[in-house]
Amino acid sequence: MPKLTLEVDLDLYRLLLQAARENHSELEDECIRRLEGGLRRSRFLHSLLSELQQEQQAQPLVQKKAD
């Protein structure tokens, strides 16, 4: 599985930790659940995922131009 490092503000981090505790899961599992479309989808994480996907799609085009 690819590794993804996220920088989040302290309030969002605390909310994710609280949700993980309430769902009896680890922080990583809570983030994955939300990214995969869990019941309480985080708009922030959804936007971040969309942004990362756009960057990933644009990356091969940039590499081809550099060659």
N, C-alpha and C. Protein backbone atom coordinates (compact mmCIF):
# COMPACT_ATOMS: atom_id res chain seq x y z
N MET A 1 0.85 -1.16 0.00
CA MET A 1 0.00 0.00 0.00
C MET A 1 0.90 1.23 0.00
N PRO A 2 0.60 2.21 -0.87
CA PRO A 2 1.39 3.44 -0.88
C PRO A 2 1.23 4.19 0.43
N LYS A 3 2.28 4.90 0.81
CA LYS A 3 2.26 5.67 2.05
C LYS A 3 1.88 7.11 1.73
N LEU A 4 1.02 7.68 2.55
CA LEU A 4 0.58 9.05 2.37
C LEU A 4 0.77 9.79 3.68
N THR A 5 1.43 10.93 3.62
CA THR A 5 1.63 11.74 4.81
C THR A 5 0.77 12.99 4.68
N LEU A 6 -0.05 13.24 5.70
CA LEU A 6 -0.94 14.40 5.69
C LEU A 6 -0.54 15.37 6.77
N GLU A 7 -0.61 16.65 6.45
CA GLU A 7 -0.45 17.68 7.46
C GLU A 7 -1.83 18.26 7.69
N VAL A 8 -2.32 18.16 8.92
CA VAL A 8 -3.65 18.68 9.25
C VAL A 8 -3.53 19.62 10.43
N ASP A 9 -4.49 20.55 10.50
CA ASP A 9 -4.44 21.47 11.64
C ASP A 9 -4.84 20.72 12.91
N LEU A 10 -4.55 21.32 14.03
CA LEU A 10 -4.74 20.67 15.32
C LEU A 10 -6.20 20.32 15.58
N ASP A 11 -7.13 21.21 15.20
CA ASP A 11 -8.55 20.93 15.43
C ASP A 11 -9.01 19.71 14.66
N LEU A 12 -8.62 19.61 13.39
CA LEU A 12 -9.01 18.44 12.59
C LEU A 12 -8.39 17.18 13.16
N TYR A 13 -7.14 17.26 13.58
CA TYR A 13 -6.46 16.12 14.18
C TYR A 13 -7.21 15.62 15.41
N ARG A 14 -7.63 16.55 16.25
CA ARG A 14 -8.38 16.18 17.46
C ARG A 14 -9.72 15.55 17.10
N LEU A 15 -10.40 16.09 16.09
CA LEU A 15 -11.68 15.52 15.66
C LEU A 15 -11.49 14.10 15.12
N LEU A 16 -10.43 13.89 14.37
CA LEU A 16 -10.15 12.55 13.84
C LEU A 16 -9.83 11.57 14.96
N LEU A 17 -9.04 12.03 15.94
CA LEU A 17 -8.73 11.17 17.10
C LEU A 17 -10.00 10.80 17.86
N GLN A 18 -10.86 11.79 18.07
CA GLN A 18 -12.11 11.54 18.79
C GLN A 18 -12.98 10.54 18.02
N ALA A 19 -13.09 10.72 16.72
CA ALA A 19 -13.89 9.80 15.90
C ALA A 19 -13.30 8.40 15.95
N ALA A 20 -11.97 8.30 15.91
CA ALA A 20 -11.33 6.99 15.98
C ALA A 20 -11.65 6.30 17.30
N ARG A 21 -11.58 7.05 18.39
CA ARG A 21 -11.92 6.48 19.70
C ARG A 21 -13.37 6.01 19.74
N GLU A 22 -14.28 6.85 19.23
CA GLU A 22 -15.70 6.51 19.23
C GLU A 22 -16.00 5.27 18.39
N ASN A 23 -15.22 5.09 17.33
CA ASN A 23 -15.41 3.94 16.44
C ASN A 23 -14.53 2.75 16.83
N HIS A 24 -13.83 2.88 17.96
CA HIS A 24 -12.94 1.82 18.46
C HIS A 24 -11.94 1.40 17.38
N SER A 25 -11.30 2.40 16.78
CA SER A 25 -10.32 2.12 15.73
C SER A 25 -9.10 3.01 15.93
N GLU A 26 -8.09 2.77 15.12
CA GLU A 26 -6.87 3.57 15.14
C GLU A 26 -7.08 4.81 14.27
N LEU A 27 -6.26 5.83 14.49
CA LEU A 27 -6.34 7.06 13.71
C LEU A 27 -6.19 6.76 12.22
N GLU A 28 -5.23 5.94 11.86
CA GLU A 28 -5.00 5.59 10.46
C GLU A 28 -6.25 4.94 9.85
N ASP A 29 -6.88 4.03 10.59
CA ASP A 29 -8.09 3.37 10.10
C ASP A 29 -9.23 4.36 9.91
N GLU A 30 -9.33 5.33 10.80
CA GLU A 30 -10.38 6.35 10.68
C GLU A 30 -10.17 7.19 9.43
N CYS A 31 -8.93 7.58 9.17
CA CYS A 31 -8.63 8.36 7.96
C CYS A 31 -8.94 7.55 6.71
N ILE A 32 -8.53 6.30 6.69
CA ILE A 32 -8.79 5.44 5.53
C ILE A 32 -10.29 5.27 5.33
N ARG A 33 -11.02 5.04 6.42
CA ARG A 33 -12.47 4.87 6.32
C ARG A 33 -13.11 6.11 5.70
N ARG A 34 -12.68 7.27 6.12
CA ARG A 34 -13.24 8.50 5.58
C ARG A 34 -12.85 8.71 4.13
N LEU A 35 -11.61 8.40 3.79
CA LEU A 35 -11.18 8.54 2.40
C LEU A 35 -11.91 7.57 1.48
N GLU A 36 -12.27 6.41 2.00
CA GLU A 36 -12.97 5.42 1.20
C GLU A 36 -14.48 5.67 1.15
N GLY A 37 -14.95 6.68 1.86
CA GLY A 37 -16.36 7.02 1.79
C GLY A 37 -17.19 6.48 2.93
N GLY A 38 -16.66 6.53 4.13
CA GLY A 38 -17.40 6.09 5.31
C GLY A 38 -18.63 6.94 5.54
N LEU A 39 -19.41 6.59 6.53
CA LEU A 39 -20.68 7.26 6.79
C LEU A 39 -20.52 8.75 7.08
N ARG A 40 -19.54 9.10 7.88
CA ARG A 40 -19.34 10.51 8.23
C ARG A 40 -18.16 11.05 7.44
N ARG A 41 -18.35 11.24 6.16
CA ARG A 41 -17.27 11.69 5.29
C ARG A 41 -16.83 13.11 5.65
N SER A 42 -15.55 13.28 5.75
CA SER A 42 -14.97 14.59 6.04
C SER A 42 -14.82 15.35 4.73
N ARG A 43 -15.41 16.54 4.66
CA ARG A 43 -15.29 17.35 3.44
C ARG A 43 -13.83 17.72 3.18
N PHE A 44 -13.10 17.99 4.25
CA PHE A 44 -11.69 18.34 4.10
C PHE A 44 -10.91 17.19 3.48
N LEU A 45 -11.08 15.99 4.02
CA LEU A 45 -10.34 14.84 3.49
C LEU A 45 -10.79 14.51 2.07
N HIS A 46 -12.08 14.68 1.79
CA HIS A 46 -12.58 14.43 0.44
C HIS A 46 -11.93 15.41 -0.55
N SER A 47 -11.85 16.68 -0.18
CA SER A 47 -11.21 17.68 -1.03
C SER A 47 -9.73 17.38 -1.22
N LEU A 48 -9.09 16.98 -0.13
CA LEU A 48 -7.67 16.63 -0.20
C LEU A 48 -7.44 15.45 -1.13
N LEU A 49 -8.28 14.44 -1.04
CA LEU A 49 -8.15 13.28 -1.91
C LEU A 49 -8.33 13.68 -3.37
N SER A 50 -9.31 14.51 -3.66
CA SER A 50 -9.52 14.98 -5.04
C SER A 50 -8.30 15.74 -5.55
N GLU A 51 -7.75 16.58 -4.70
CA GLU A 51 -6.56 17.35 -5.08
C GLU A 51 -5.38 16.43 -5.36
N LEU A 52 -5.18 15.43 -4.52
CA LEU A 52 -4.08 14.49 -4.72
C LEU A 52 -4.26 13.69 -6.00
N GLN A 53 -5.50 13.31 -6.31
CA GLN A 53 -5.77 12.56 -7.53
C GLN A 53 -5.49 13.42 -8.76
N GLN A 54 -5.85 14.70 -8.71
CA GLN A 54 -5.57 15.61 -9.82
C GLN A 54 -4.07 15.77 -10.02
N GLU A 55 -3.34 15.92 -8.92
CA GLU A 55 -1.89 16.05 -9.02
C GLU A 55 -1.27 14.79 -9.61
N GLN A 56 -1.78 13.63 -9.20
CA GLN A 56 -1.25 12.37 -9.70
C GLN A 56 -1.52 12.23 -11.20
N GLN A 57 -2.69 12.65 -11.66
CA GLN A 57 -3.02 12.57 -13.07
C GLN A 57 -2.18 13.54 -13.89
N ALA A 58 -1.87 14.69 -13.34
CA ALA A 58 -1.08 15.70 -14.04
C ALA A 58 0.41 15.36 -14.05
N GLN A 59 0.86 14.60 -13.09
CA GLN A 59 2.28 14.29 -12.95
C GLN A 59 2.87 13.59 -14.19
N PRO A 60 2.26 12.55 -14.75
CA PRO A 60 2.86 11.92 -15.94
C PRO A 60 3.02 12.88 -17.10
N LEU A 61 2.11 13.85 -17.24
CA LEU A 61 2.22 14.83 -18.31
C LEU A 61 3.45 15.71 -18.12
N VAL A 62 3.73 16.10 -16.91
CA VAL A 62 4.89 16.92 -16.62
C VAL A 62 6.16 16.13 -16.88
N GLN A 63 6.20 14.87 -16.50
CA GLN A 63 7.38 14.05 -16.71
C GLN A 63 7.64 13.84 -18.20
N LYS A 64 6.60 13.67 -19.00
CA LYS A 64 6.78 13.47 -20.44
C LYS A 64 7.36 14.72 -21.09
N LYS A 65 6.91 15.90 -20.66
CA LYS A 65 7.42 17.14 -21.22
C LYS A 65 8.89 17.34 -20.87
N ALA A 66 9.30 16.89 -19.69
CA ALA A 66 10.68 17.05 -19.24
C ALA A 66 11.63 16.17 -20.04
N ASP A 67 11.14 15.02 -20.55
CA ASP A 67 11.99 14.10 -21.31
C ASP A 67 12.29 14.65 -22.64
